[in-house]
Amino acid sequence: MKTRRKFLATGALMAALGFAGLAPMSASAQMVMKAADVHPAGYSTVVAVENMGKKVEAATNGRIKFQMFPGGVLGDEKTMIEQTQFGAIQILRTSLGPVGNVVPEVNVFNMPFMFRDEAHLHAVLDGPIGQEMLDKISASPAKMVALAFTVAGSRSLYTKKPVRTPDDLKGQKIRMMGNPLFIDTMNAMGGNGISMGYGEVFTALQTGVIDGAENNEPSLFTSNHYTTGTKYYTQTKHLMIPEIIVMSKVTWDKLSADDQAMFKKLGREAQMEQRELWNKSVEESVAKLKAAGVEFIEVDNKPFYDATAPVRAKYGEKYADLIKRIEAVK
């Protein structure tokens, strides 16, 4: 079985690598671009990229097509980023986390309460600061050209006991993404931040290894975490972390200037379309969660914001000017 799994994994990787050695394309040569995402079919980012592919195919009369690989079938996010960097995957939706290693400024977006609300986040992403970030990523050693931002709403707490103030978090073990910034954020908010892989959270909630976690509403629903007794969703909205759609620079450099301009235009359209799809998925998820007995708790966010001031000071000191620009966006 091990041999068979290794064979299948190798075969999938070789299939993914098929594009890497393609020579510069002529005006009439057909190109099939592999587009990948860890999110499942039907998820807002997957649908937005699929629709982008349809527009690309129409604009090029079939000369360029997309082949979508959702659900992490080409690997986890780290593996797919690596494949994108050397041209085995052409289009990828990825988180900003790994990009922060080569473009440190994007880490500003990961800080707690960096955005007043989602409207503020959208204004930043759609304006000059957002474009500057995309350009920095494209010009960096990341070997990826950033076409657009996608959004994942805001992240809030879901727990087995109601949380209304930072004091209510004391003694509670809350799963966070494996990043010191996020662990520090939860600790500052009053809880005990626990680094844990996403795939381990369901069992950890069931067995009491952790008392809660944090994420957006669609993730709470699709993960079935709400079935483990985490019946309280406290709308702290402490993190609003955007994601990006990128193209392999290997692929980008093979495109004509006209094709590059087309992708930038359609990337912008995908950015706006995904947001509408996301908002719809949030509404649907909230309705289903409430029907399942989840209580949504609105809180005064200021105590949580004040508690995380040391985290913003620690991680944002070197980006003080950028933070001021973000705060000034209306």
C-alpha atoms as a PDB file:
ATOM      1  CA  MET A   1       0.000   0.000   0.000  1.00  0.00           C
ATOM      2  CA  LYS A   2       2.845   2.349   0.800  1.00  0.00           C
ATOM      3  CA  THR A   3       4.337   1.648  -2.616  1.00  0.00           C
ATOM      4  CA  ARG A   4       0.980   2.239  -4.284  1.00  0.00           C
ATOM      5  CA  ARG A   5       0.438   5.542  -2.443  1.00  0.00           C
ATOM      6  CA  LYS A   6       3.935   6.664  -3.336  1.00  0.00           C
ATOM      7  CA  PHE A   7       3.309   5.737  -6.966  1.00  0.00           C
ATOM      8  CA  LEU A   8       0.019   7.641  -7.072  1.00  0.00           C
ATOM      9  CA  ALA A   9       1.544  10.699  -5.383  1.00  0.00           C
ATOM     10  CA  THR A  10       4.444  10.648  -7.808  1.00  0.00           C
ATOM     11  CA  GLY A  11       2.072  10.319 -10.738  1.00  0.00           C
ATOM     12  CA  ALA A  12       0.020  13.282  -9.580  1.00  0.00           C
ATOM     13  CA  LEU A  13       3.132  15.363  -9.139  1.00  0.00           C
ATOM     14  CA  MET A  14       4.433  14.420 -12.591  1.00  0.00           C
ATOM     15  CA  ALA A  15       1.088  15.391 -14.069  1.00  0.00           C
ATOM     16  CA  ALA A  16       1.292  18.714 -12.271  1.00  0.00           C
ATOM     17  CA  LEU A  17       4.787  19.255 -13.587  1.00  0.00           C
ATOM     18  CA  GLY A  18       3.730  18.793 -17.187  1.00  0.00           C
ATOM     19  CA  PHE A  19       3.613  22.524 -17.919  1.00  0.00           C
ATOM     20  CA  ALA A  20       6.923  23.474 -16.352  1.00  0.00           C
ATOM     21  CA  GLY A  21       9.056  22.968 -19.402  1.00  0.00           C
ATOM     22  CA  LEU A  22       6.787  24.613 -21.955  1.00  0.00           C
ATOM     23  CA  ALA A  23       8.585  26.820 -24.454  1.00  0.00           C
ATOM     24  CA  PRO A  24       7.527  30.436 -25.019  1.00  0.00           C
ATOM     25  CA  MET A  25       4.130  30.299 -26.656  1.00  0.00           C
ATOM     26  CA  SER A  26       3.222  31.585 -30.076  1.00  0.00           C
ATOM     27  CA  ALA A  27       0.127  33.656 -30.709  1.00  0.00           C
ATOM     28  CA  SER A  28      -1.782  30.545 -31.875  1.00  0.00           C
ATOM     29  CA  ALA A  29      -0.450  27.949 -29.403  1.00  0.00           C
ATOM     30  CA  GLN A  30      -2.981  26.572 -26.957  1.00  0.00           C
ATOM     31  CA  MET A  31      -2.211  26.747 -23.251  1.00  0.00           C
ATOM     32  CA  VAL A  32      -4.024  24.838 -20.517  1.00  0.00           C
ATOM     33  CA  MET A  33      -3.342  26.419 -17.147  1.00  0.00           C
ATOM     34  CA  LYS A  34      -3.589  24.362 -13.984  1.00  0.00           C
ATOM     35  CA  ALA A  35      -5.425  26.369 -11.303  1.00  0.00           C
ATOM     36  CA  ALA A  36      -5.299  25.091  -7.716  1.00  0.00           C
ATOM     37  CA  ASP A  37      -6.838  25.765  -4.315  1.00  0.00           C
ATOM     38  CA  VAL A  38      -6.976  23.951  -0.972  1.00  0.00           C
ATOM     39  CA  HIS A  39     -10.626  24.966  -0.639  1.00  0.00           C
ATOM     40  CA  PRO A  40     -13.292  22.553  -1.937  1.00  0.00           C
ATOM     41  CA  ALA A  41     -15.331  22.803  -5.118  1.00  0.00           C
ATOM     42  CA  GLY A  42     -18.066  25.409  -4.745  1.00  0.00           C
ATOM     43  CA  TYR A  43     -16.068  27.557  -2.314  1.00  0.00           C
ATOM     44  CA  SER A  44     -16.079  31.260  -3.212  1.00  0.00           C
ATOM     45  CA  THR A  45     -12.394  31.427  -4.208  1.00  0.00           C
ATOM     46  CA  VAL A  46     -12.685  28.306  -6.363  1.00  0.00           C
ATOM     47  CA  VAL A  47     -15.772  29.607  -8.148  1.00  0.00           C
ATOM     48  CA  ALA A  48     -14.195  33.039  -8.726  1.00  0.00           C
ATOM     49  CA  VAL A  49     -11.086  31.481 -10.307  1.00  0.00           C
ATOM     50  CA  GLU A  50     -13.204  29.118 -12.408  1.00  0.00           C
ATOM     51  CA  ASN A  51     -15.204  32.076 -13.711  1.00  0.00           C
ATOM     52  CA  MET A  52     -11.968  33.943 -14.377  1.00  0.00           C
ATOM     53  CA  GLY A  53     -10.875  30.957 -16.468  1.00  0.00           C
ATOM     54  CA  LYS A  54     -14.089  31.088 -18.490  1.00  0.00           C
ATOM     55  CA  LYS A  55     -13.474  34.771 -19.216  1.00  0.00           C
ATOM     56  CA  VAL A  56      -9.870  34.040 -20.228  1.00  0.00           C
ATOM     57  CA  GLU A  57     -11.019  31.293 -22.583  1.00  0.00           C
ATOM     58  CA  ALA A  58     -13.632  33.577 -24.144  1.00  0.00           C
ATOM     59  CA  ALA A  59     -11.206  36.501 -24.510  1.00  0.00           C
ATOM     60  CA  THR A  60      -8.580  34.310 -26.200  1.00  0.00           C
ATOM     61  CA  ASN A  61     -11.009  32.266 -28.326  1.00  0.00           C
ATOM     62  CA  GLY A  62      -9.954  29.107 -26.536  1.00  0.00           C
ATOM     63  CA  ARG A  63      -6.221  29.690 -26.843  1.00  0.00           C
ATOM     64  CA  ILE A  64      -5.883  29.753 -23.028  1.00  0.00           C
ATOM     65  CA  LYS A  65      -7.985  27.536 -20.781  1.00  0.00           C
ATOM     66  CA  PHE A  66      -8.067  26.757 -17.061  1.00  0.00           C
ATOM     67  CA  GLN A  67      -8.156  23.291 -15.509  1.00  0.00           C
ATOM     68  CA  MET A  68      -9.282  23.607 -11.884  1.00  0.00           C
ATOM     69  CA  PHE A  69      -7.857  21.419  -9.104  1.00  0.00           C
ATOM     70  CA  PRO A  70      -9.775  22.265  -5.877  1.00  0.00           C
ATOM     71  CA  GLY A  71      -9.704  20.575  -2.495  1.00  0.00           C
ATOM     72  CA  GLY A  72      -5.932  20.334  -2.218  1.00  0.00           C
ATOM     73  CA  VAL A  73      -5.690  17.486  -4.736  1.00  0.00           C
ATOM     74  CA  LEU A  74      -2.280  18.770  -5.864  1.00  0.00           C
ATOM     75  CA  GLY A  75      -0.991  18.971  -2.298  1.00  0.00           C
ATOM     76  CA  ASP A  76      -1.207  21.188   0.748  1.00  0.00           C
ATOM     77  CA  GLU A  77      -0.720  24.920   0.422  1.00  0.00           C
ATOM     78  CA  LYS A  78       3.044  24.813   1.007  1.00  0.00           C
ATOM     79  CA  THR A  79       3.476  22.118  -1.650  1.00  0.00           C
ATOM     80  CA  MET A  80       1.320  23.979  -4.161  1.00  0.00           C
ATOM     81  CA  ILE A  81       3.224  27.215  -3.591  1.00  0.00           C
ATOM     82  CA  GLU A  82       6.456  25.400  -4.388  1.00  0.00           C
ATOM     83  CA  GLN A  83       4.923  23.925  -7.565  1.00  0.00           C
ATOM     84  CA  THR A  84       3.712  27.383  -8.572  1.00  0.00           C
ATOM     85  CA  GLN A  85       7.162  28.857  -8.083  1.00  0.00           C
ATOM     86  CA  PHE A  86       8.706  26.621 -10.710  1.00  0.00           C
ATOM     87  CA  GLY A  87       5.748  26.595 -13.086  1.00  0.00           C
ATOM     88  CA  ALA A  88       4.044  23.242 -12.449  1.00  0.00           C
ATOM     89  CA  ILE A  89       0.918  25.074 -11.269  1.00  0.00           C
ATOM     90  CA  GLN A  90       0.045  28.217 -13.172  1.00  0.00           C
ATOM     91  CA  ILE A  91      -2.715  29.821 -11.060  1.00  0.00           C
ATOM     92  CA  LEU A  92      -2.966  29.485  -7.287  1.00  0.00           C
ATOM     93  CA  ARG A  93      -5.131  30.882  -4.532  1.00  0.00           C
ATOM     94  CA  THR A  94      -2.971  31.063  -1.427  1.00  0.00           C
ATOM     95  CA  SER A  95      -2.831  32.636   1.990  1.00  0.00           C
ATOM     96  CA  LEU A  96      -0.534  35.564   2.686  1.00  0.00           C
ATOM     97  CA  GLY A  97       1.287  33.722   5.463  1.00  0.00           C
ATOM     98  CA  PRO A  98       4.114  32.181   3.408  1.00  0.00           C
ATOM     99  CA  VAL A  99       4.470  35.359   1.348  1.00  0.00           C
ATOM    100  CA  GLY A 100       5.363  37.307   4.485  1.00  0.00           C
ATOM    101  CA  ASN A 101       8.741  35.584   4.516  1.00  0.00           C
ATOM    102  CA  VAL A 102       9.768  37.379   1.321  1.00  0.00           C
ATOM    103  CA  VAL A 103       7.511  40.461   1.471  1.00  0.00           C
ATOM    104  CA  PRO A 104       7.478  41.376   5.184  1.00  0.00           C
ATOM    105  CA  GLU A 105       5.064  44.271   4.703  1.00  0.00           C
ATOM    106  CA  VAL A 106       2.154  41.882   4.082  1.00  0.00           C
ATOM    107  CA  ASN A 107       2.485  40.738   7.695  1.00  0.00           C
ATOM    108  CA  VAL A 108       0.810  43.997   8.660  1.00  0.00           C
ATOM    109  CA  PHE A 109      -2.448  42.491   7.380  1.00  0.00           C
ATOM    110  CA  ASN A 110      -2.068  39.650   9.921  1.00  0.00           C
ATOM    111  CA  MET A 111      -2.112  41.873  12.993  1.00  0.00           C
ATOM    112  CA  PRO A 112      -5.156  41.933  15.304  1.00  0.00           C
ATOM    113  CA  PHE A 113      -7.758  44.610  14.691  1.00  0.00           C
ATOM    114  CA  MET A 114      -5.724  46.121  11.856  1.00  0.00           C
ATOM    115  CA  PHE A 115      -8.979  46.941  10.058  1.00  0.00           C
ATOM    116  CA  ARG A 116     -11.917  48.770  11.628  1.00  0.00           C
ATOM    117  CA  ASP A 117     -14.407  46.578   9.789  1.00  0.00           C
ATOM    118  CA  GLU A 118     -14.732  44.687   6.531  1.00  0.00           C
ATOM    119  CA  ALA A 119     -15.607  47.864   4.611  1.00  0.00           C
ATOM    120  CA  HIS A 120     -12.276  49.332   5.745  1.00  0.00           C
ATOM    121  CA  LEU A 121     -10.468  46.136   4.674  1.00  0.00           C
ATOM    122  CA  HIS A 122     -12.067  46.280   1.236  1.00  0.00           C
ATOM    123  CA  ALA A 123     -11.162  49.962   0.823  1.00  0.00           C
ATOM    124  CA  VAL A 124      -7.518  49.185   1.631  1.00  0.00           C
ATOM    125  CA  LEU A 125      -7.345  46.197  -0.732  1.00  0.00           C
ATOM    126  CA  ASP A 126      -9.084  48.041  -3.577  1.00  0.00           C
ATOM    127  CA  GLY A 127      -6.975  51.191  -3.234  1.00  0.00           C
ATOM    128  CA  PRO A 128      -3.346  52.247  -3.667  1.00  0.00           C
ATOM    129  CA  ILE A 129      -2.078  50.280  -0.662  1.00  0.00           C
ATOM    130  CA  GLY A 130      -3.563  47.063  -1.983  1.00  0.00           C
ATOM    131  CA  GLN A 131      -2.022  47.597  -5.409  1.00  0.00           C
ATOM    132  CA  GLU A 132       1.346  48.406  -3.842  1.00  0.00           C
ATOM    133  CA  MET A 133       1.238  45.100  -1.955  1.00  0.00           C
ATOM    134  CA  LEU A 134       0.396  43.168  -5.105  1.00  0.00           C
ATOM    135  CA  ASP A 135       3.258  44.898  -6.928  1.00  0.00           C
ATOM    136  CA  LYS A 136       5.696  44.163  -4.088  1.00  0.00           C
ATOM    137  CA  ILE A 137       4.790  40.482  -4.173  1.00  0.00           C
ATOM    138  CA  SER A 138       5.219  40.385  -7.950  1.00  0.00           C
ATOM    139  CA  ALA A 139       8.618  42.082  -7.758  1.00  0.00           C
ATOM    140  CA  SER A 140       9.842  39.918  -4.871  1.00  0.00           C
ATOM    141  CA  PRO A 141      11.898  36.710  -4.990  1.00  0.00           C
ATOM    142  CA  ALA A 142       8.664  34.752  -4.416  1.00  0.00           C
ATOM    143  CA  LYS A 143       8.540  33.885  -8.147  1.00  0.00           C
ATOM    144  CA  MET A 144       4.810  34.584  -8.244  1.00  0.00           C
ATOM    145  CA  VAL A 145       2.871  37.407  -9.879  1.00  0.00           C
ATOM    146  CA  ALA A 146       0.045  38.648  -7.647  1.00  0.00           C
ATOM    147  CA  LEU A 147      -3.128  39.225  -9.643  1.00  0.00           C
ATOM    148  CA  ALA A 148      -5.764  39.870  -6.995  1.00  0.00           C
ATOM    149  CA  PHE A 149      -6.805  39.712  -3.375  1.00  0.00           C
ATOM    150  CA  THR A 150      -9.547  37.477  -2.059  1.00  0.00           C
ATOM    151  CA  VAL A 151     -11.233  37.812   1.321  1.00  0.00           C
ATOM    152  CA  ALA A 152     -12.163  35.409   4.088  1.00  0.00           C
ATOM    153  CA  GLY A 153     -14.208  37.766   6.226  1.00  0.00           C
ATOM    154  CA  SER A 154     -13.384  38.198   9.881  1.00  0.00           C
ATOM    155  CA  ARG A 155     -12.313  35.600  12.419  1.00  0.00           C
ATOM    156  CA  SER A 156     -14.167  35.290  15.703  1.00  0.00           C
ATOM    157  CA  LEU A 157     -14.241  32.920  18.683  1.00  0.00           C
ATOM    158  CA  TYR A 158     -16.292  29.759  18.979  1.00  0.00           C
ATOM    159  CA  THR A 159     -16.324  28.145  22.396  1.00  0.00           C
ATOM    160  CA  LYS A 160     -18.240  25.792  24.688  1.00  0.00           C
ATOM    161  CA  LYS A 161     -18.810  28.552  27.236  1.00  0.00           C
ATOM    162  CA  PRO A 162     -20.081  32.035  26.349  1.00  0.00           C
ATOM    163  CA  VAL A 163     -17.420  34.735  26.027  1.00  0.00           C
ATOM    164  CA  ARG A 164     -18.378  38.381  26.378  1.00  0.00           C
ATOM    165  CA  THR A 165     -15.231  39.957  27.843  1.00  0.00           C
ATOM    166  CA  PRO A 166     -11.519  39.111  27.932  1.00  0.00           C
ATOM    167  CA  ASP A 167     -12.012  37.864  31.502  1.00  0.00           C
ATOM    168  CA  ASP A 168     -14.299  35.116  30.169  1.00  0.00           C
ATOM    169  CA  LEU A 169     -11.377  33.712  28.174  1.00  0.00           C
ATOM    170  CA  LYS A 170      -9.166  33.137  31.185  1.00  0.00           C
ATOM    171  CA  GLY A 171      -8.096  29.495  31.440  1.00  0.00           C
ATOM    172  CA  GLN A 172      -9.612  28.587  28.072  1.00  0.00           C
ATOM    173  CA  LYS A 173      -7.372  26.799  25.546  1.00  0.00           C
ATOM    174  CA  ILE A 174      -8.102  28.261  22.106  1.00  0.00           C
ATOM    175  CA  ARG A 175      -6.674  26.842  18.889  1.00  0.00           C
ATOM    176  CA  MET A 176      -4.834  29.359  16.731  1.00  0.00           C
ATOM    177  CA  MET A 177      -2.988  29.128  13.435  1.00  0.00           C
ATOM    178  CA  GLY A 178       0.673  28.229  13.889  1.00  0.00           C
ATOM    179  CA  ASN A 179       2.149  31.706  13.872  1.00  0.00           C
ATOM    180  CA  PRO A 180       3.668  33.421  16.944  1.00  0.00           C
ATOM    181  CA  LEU A 181       1.732  36.572  16.118  1.00  0.00           C
ATOM    182  CA  PHE A 182      -1.582  34.719  16.359  1.00  0.00           C
ATOM    183  CA  ILE A 183      -0.607  32.901  19.558  1.00  0.00           C
ATOM    184  CA  ASP A 184       0.397  36.224  21.105  1.00  0.00           C
ATOM    185  CA  THR A 185      -2.931  37.687  19.990  1.00  0.00           C
ATOM    186  CA  MET A 186      -4.980  35.072  21.801  1.00  0.00           C
ATOM    187  CA  ASN A 187      -2.814  35.265  24.922  1.00  0.00           C
ATOM    188  CA  ALA A 188      -3.258  39.044  24.987  1.00  0.00           C
ATOM    189  CA  MET A 189      -7.030  38.651  24.603  1.00  0.00           C
ATOM    190  CA  GLY A 190      -7.083  36.593  27.787  1.00  0.00           C
ATOM    191  CA  GLY A 191      -7.055  33.025  26.529  1.00  0.00           C
ATOM    192  CA  ASN A 192      -4.366  30.395  26.174  1.00  0.00           C
ATOM    193  CA  GLY A 193      -3.388  30.241  22.498  1.00  0.00           C
ATOM    194  CA  ILE A 194      -2.655  26.688  21.281  1.00  0.00           C
ATOM    195  CA  SER A 195      -0.914  26.098  17.939  1.00  0.00           C
ATOM    196  CA  MET A 196      -2.591  23.197  16.160  1.00  0.00           C
ATOM    197  CA  GLY A 197      -3.105  21.957  12.609  1.00  0.00           C
ATOM    198  CA  TYR A 198      -6.584  22.588  11.232  1.00  0.00           C
ATOM    199  CA  GLY A 199      -7.197  18.898  10.637  1.00  0.00           C
ATOM    200  CA  GLU A 200      -6.702  18.153  14.350  1.00  0.00           C
ATOM    201  CA  VAL A 201      -9.217  20.674  15.662  1.00  0.00           C
ATOM    202  CA  PHE A 202     -12.395  18.567  15.415  1.00  0.00           C
ATOM    203  CA  THR A 203     -11.042  15.727  17.551  1.00  0.00           C
ATOM    204  CA  ALA A 204      -9.366  18.158  19.955  1.00  0.00           C
ATOM    205  CA  LEU A 205     -12.705  19.874  20.547  1.00  0.00           C
ATOM    206  CA  GLN A 206     -14.471  16.542  20.992  1.00  0.00           C
ATOM    207  CA  THR A 207     -11.982  15.264  23.547  1.00  0.00           C
ATOM    208  CA  GLY A 208     -11.541  18.530  25.438  1.00  0.00           C
ATOM    209  CA  VAL A 209      -7.896  18.998  24.484  1.00  0.00           C
ATOM    210  CA  ILE A 210      -8.969  22.533  23.535  1.00  0.00           C
ATOM    211  CA  ASP A 211     -11.952  24.583  24.699  1.00  0.00           C
ATOM    212  CA  GLY A 212     -12.530  26.450  21.479  1.00  0.00           C
ATOM    213  CA  ALA A 213     -11.081  27.878  18.289  1.00  0.00           C
ATOM    214  CA  GLU A 214     -11.528  30.886  16.039  1.00  0.00           C
ATOM    215  CA  ASN A 215     -12.446  31.250  12.400  1.00  0.00           C
ATOM    216  CA  ASN A 216     -15.056  32.697  10.075  1.00  0.00           C
ATOM    217  CA  GLU A 217     -18.662  31.533   9.893  1.00  0.00           C
ATOM    218  CA  PRO A 218     -18.425  29.378   6.714  1.00  0.00           C
ATOM    219  CA  SER A 219     -15.431  27.526   8.158  1.00  0.00           C
ATOM    220  CA  LEU A 220     -17.258  26.867  11.429  1.00  0.00           C
ATOM    221  CA  PHE A 221     -20.105  25.343   9.437  1.00  0.00           C
ATOM    222  CA  THR A 222     -18.209  23.336   6.808  1.00  0.00           C
ATOM    223  CA  SER A 223     -15.772  21.935   9.388  1.00  0.00           C
ATOM    224  CA  ASN A 224     -18.667  20.678  11.558  1.00  0.00           C
ATOM    225  CA  HIS A 225     -16.871  22.088  14.604  1.00  0.00           C
ATOM    226  CA  TYR A 226     -20.209  23.391  15.846  1.00  0.00           C
ATOM    227  CA  THR A 227     -21.288  19.767  16.430  1.00  0.00           C
ATOM    228  CA  THR A 228     -18.653  19.312  19.157  1.00  0.00           C
ATOM    229  CA  GLY A 229     -20.427  21.451  21.740  1.00  0.00           C
ATOM    230  CA  THR A 230     -18.962  24.795  20.631  1.00  0.00           C
ATOM    231  CA  LYS A 231     -22.362  26.455  20.591  1.00  0.00           C
ATOM    232  CA  TYR A 232     -21.216  30.031  21.209  1.00  0.00           C
ATOM    233  CA  TYR A 233     -19.856  32.238  18.422  1.00  0.00           C
ATOM    234  CA  THR A 234     -18.505  35.451  19.950  1.00  0.00           C
ATOM    235  CA  GLN A 235     -18.095  38.119  17.275  1.00  0.00           C
ATOM    236  CA  THR A 236     -14.753  39.551  18.341  1.00  0.00           C
ATOM    237  CA  LYS A 237     -13.675  39.950  14.691  1.00  0.00           C
ATOM    238  CA  HIS A 238     -10.079  40.120  15.913  1.00  0.00           C
ATOM    239  CA  LEU A 239      -8.477  39.106  12.603  1.00  0.00           C
ATOM    240  CA  MET A 240      -9.292  39.960   8.981  1.00  0.00           C
ATOM    241  CA  ILE A 241      -6.693  38.227   6.840  1.00  0.00           C
ATOM    242  CA  PRO A 242      -6.869  38.614   3.055  1.00  0.00           C
ATOM    243  CA  GLU A 243      -5.599  35.994   0.608  1.00  0.00           C
ATOM    244  CA  ILE A 244      -4.261  36.280  -2.939  1.00  0.00           C
ATOM    245  CA  ILE A 245      -4.584  34.818  -6.415  1.00  0.00           C
ATOM    246  CA  VAL A 246      -1.157  34.454  -8.017  1.00  0.00           C
ATOM    247  CA  MET A 247       0.314  33.262 -11.297  1.00  0.00           C
ATOM    248  CA  SER A 248       3.622  31.460 -11.580  1.00  0.00           C
ATOM    249  CA  LYS A 249       6.266  33.919 -12.797  1.00  0.00           C
ATOM    250  CA  VAL A 250       7.554  31.148 -15.064  1.00  0.00           C
ATOM    251  CA  THR A 251       4.179  31.207 -16.790  1.00  0.00           C
ATOM    252  CA  TRP A 252       3.825  34.986 -16.673  1.00  0.00           C
ATOM    253  CA  ASP A 253       7.094  35.499 -18.510  1.00  0.00           C
ATOM    254  CA  LYS A 254       5.827  33.324 -21.376  1.00  0.00           C
ATOM    255  CA  LEU A 255       2.783  35.552 -21.954  1.00  0.00           C
ATOM    256  CA  SER A 256       2.552  38.457 -24.354  1.00  0.00           C
ATOM    257  CA  ALA A 257       2.106  41.963 -22.984  1.00  0.00           C
ATOM    258  CA  ASP A 258      -1.540  41.876 -24.132  1.00  0.00           C
ATOM    259  CA  ASP A 259      -2.179  38.623 -22.302  1.00  0.00           C
ATOM    260  CA  GLN A 260      -0.534  39.983 -19.164  1.00  0.00           C
ATOM    261  CA  ALA A 261      -2.775  43.054 -19.272  1.00  0.00           C
ATOM    262  CA  MET A 262      -5.821  40.806 -19.745  1.00  0.00           C
ATOM    263  CA  PHE A 263      -4.927  38.746 -16.671  1.00  0.00           C
ATOM    264  CA  LYS A 264      -4.509  41.840 -14.529  1.00  0.00           C
ATOM    265  CA  LYS A 265      -7.916  43.111 -15.642  1.00  0.00           C
ATOM    266  CA  LEU A 266      -9.658  39.787 -15.085  1.00  0.00           C
ATOM    267  CA  GLY A 267      -7.852  39.339 -11.779  1.00  0.00           C
ATOM    268  CA  ARG A 268      -9.403  42.572 -10.574  1.00  0.00           C
ATOM    269  CA  GLU A 269     -12.818  41.355 -11.687  1.00  0.00           C
ATOM    270  CA  ALA A 270     -12.280  38.079  -9.814  1.00  0.00           C
ATOM    271  CA  GLN A 271     -11.369  40.079  -6.710  1.00  0.00           C
ATOM    272  CA  MET A 272     -14.704  41.853  -6.761  1.00  0.00           C
ATOM    273  CA  GLU A 273     -16.749  38.784  -7.725  1.00  0.00           C
ATOM    274  CA  GLN A 274     -15.259  36.591  -4.974  1.00  0.00           C
ATOM    275  CA  ARG A 275     -16.290  39.176  -2.404  1.00  0.00           C
ATOM    276  CA  GLU A 276     -19.927  38.928  -3.454  1.00  0.00           C
ATOM    277  CA  LEU A 277     -19.745  35.130  -3.410  1.00  0.00           C
ATOM    278  CA  TRP A 278     -18.152  35.265   0.038  1.00  0.00           C
ATOM    279  CA  ASN A 279     -20.849  37.531   1.471  1.00  0.00           C
ATOM    280  CA  LYS A 280     -23.517  35.132   0.205  1.00  0.00           C
ATOM    281  CA  SER A 281     -21.743  32.142   1.763  1.00  0.00           C
ATOM    282  CA  VAL A 282     -21.536  33.960   5.117  1.00  0.00           C
ATOM    283  CA  GLU A 283     -25.277  34.666   5.097  1.00  0.00           C
ATOM    284  CA  GLU A 284     -26.068  31.050   4.274  1.00  0.00           C
ATOM    285  CA  SER A 285     -23.680  29.676   6.909  1.00  0.00           C
ATOM    286  CA  VAL A 286     -24.999  31.958   9.657  1.00  0.00           C
ATOM    287  CA  ALA A 287     -28.561  30.875   8.930  1.00  0.00           C
ATOM    288  CA  LYS A 288     -27.592  27.185   9.066  1.00  0.00           C
ATOM    289  CA  LEU A 289     -25.564  27.615  12.256  1.00  0.00           C
ATOM    290  CA  LYS A 290     -28.400  29.441  14.026  1.00  0.00           C
ATOM    291  CA  ALA A 291     -30.798  26.716  12.941  1.00  0.00           C
ATOM    292  CA  ALA A 292     -28.399  24.190  14.498  1.00  0.00           C
ATOM    293  CA  GLY A 293     -28.509  26.032  17.823  1.00  0.00           C
ATOM    294  CA  VAL A 294     -25.353  28.136  17.665  1.00  0.00           C
ATOM    295  CA  GLU A 295     -25.723  31.384  19.627  1.00  0.00           C
ATOM    296  CA  PHE A 296     -24.144  34.459  18.040  1.00  0.00           C
ATOM    297  CA  ILE A 297     -22.899  36.860  20.709  1.00  0.00           C
ATOM    298  CA  GLU A 298     -22.298  40.504  19.828  1.00  0.00           C
ATOM    299  CA  VAL A 299     -19.707  42.123  22.093  1.00  0.00           C
ATOM    300  CA  ASP A 300     -18.016  45.418  22.717  1.00  0.00           C
ATOM    301  CA  ASN A 301     -14.776  44.894  20.793  1.00  0.00           C
ATOM    302  CA  LYS A 302     -12.899  47.725  22.502  1.00  0.00           C
ATOM    303  CA  PRO A 303     -11.686  45.698  25.511  1.00  0.00           C
ATOM    304  CA  PHE A 304     -10.289  43.075  23.129  1.00  0.00           C
ATOM    305  CA  TYR A 305      -8.767  45.788  20.931  1.00  0.00           C
ATOM    306  CA  ASP A 306      -7.137  47.481  23.926  1.00  0.00           C
ATOM    307  CA  ALA A 307      -5.809  44.161  25.232  1.00  0.00           C
ATOM    308  CA  THR A 308      -4.021  43.453  21.935  1.00  0.00           C
ATOM    309  CA  ALA A 309      -2.268  46.840  21.728  1.00  0.00           C
ATOM    310  CA  PRO A 310       1.079  45.278  22.847  1.00  0.00           C
ATOM    311  CA  VAL A 311       0.851  42.784  19.967  1.00  0.00           C
ATOM    312  CA  ARG A 312       0.436  45.553  17.402  1.00  0.00           C
ATOM    313  CA  ALA A 313       3.308  47.462  19.024  1.00  0.00           C
ATOM    314  CA  LYS A 314       5.564  44.397  18.976  1.00  0.00           C
ATOM    315  CA  TYR A 315       4.926  43.306  15.401  1.00  0.00           C
ATOM    316  CA  GLY A 316       4.097  46.624  13.783  1.00  0.00           C
ATOM    317  CA  GLU A 317       6.901  48.863  14.998  1.00  0.00           C
ATOM    318  CA  LYS A 318       8.934  48.591  11.802  1.00  0.00           C
ATOM    319  CA  TYR A 319       5.857  49.283   9.658  1.00  0.00           C
ATOM    320  CA  ALA A 320       4.603  52.313  11.553  1.00  0.00           C
ATOM    321  CA  ASP A 321       4.239  54.504   8.452  1.00  0.00           C
ATOM    322  CA  LEU A 322       2.315  51.829   6.557  1.00  0.00           C
ATOM    323  CA  ILE A 323      -0.003  51.286   9.517  1.00  0.00           C
ATOM    324  CA  LYS A 324      -0.726  55.011   9.669  1.00  0.00           C
ATOM    325  CA  ARG A 325      -1.622  54.955   5.968  1.00  0.00           C
ATOM    326  CA  ILE A 326      -3.946  51.998   6.515  1.00  0.00           C
ATOM    327  CA  GLU A 327      -5.625  53.691   9.467  1.00  0.00           C
ATOM    328  CA  ALA A 328      -6.162  56.831   7.381  1.00  0.00           C
ATOM    329  CA  VAL A 329      -8.090  55.005   4.655  1.00  0.00           C
ATOM    330  CA  LYS A 330     -11.772  55.935   4.807  1.00  0.00           C
END
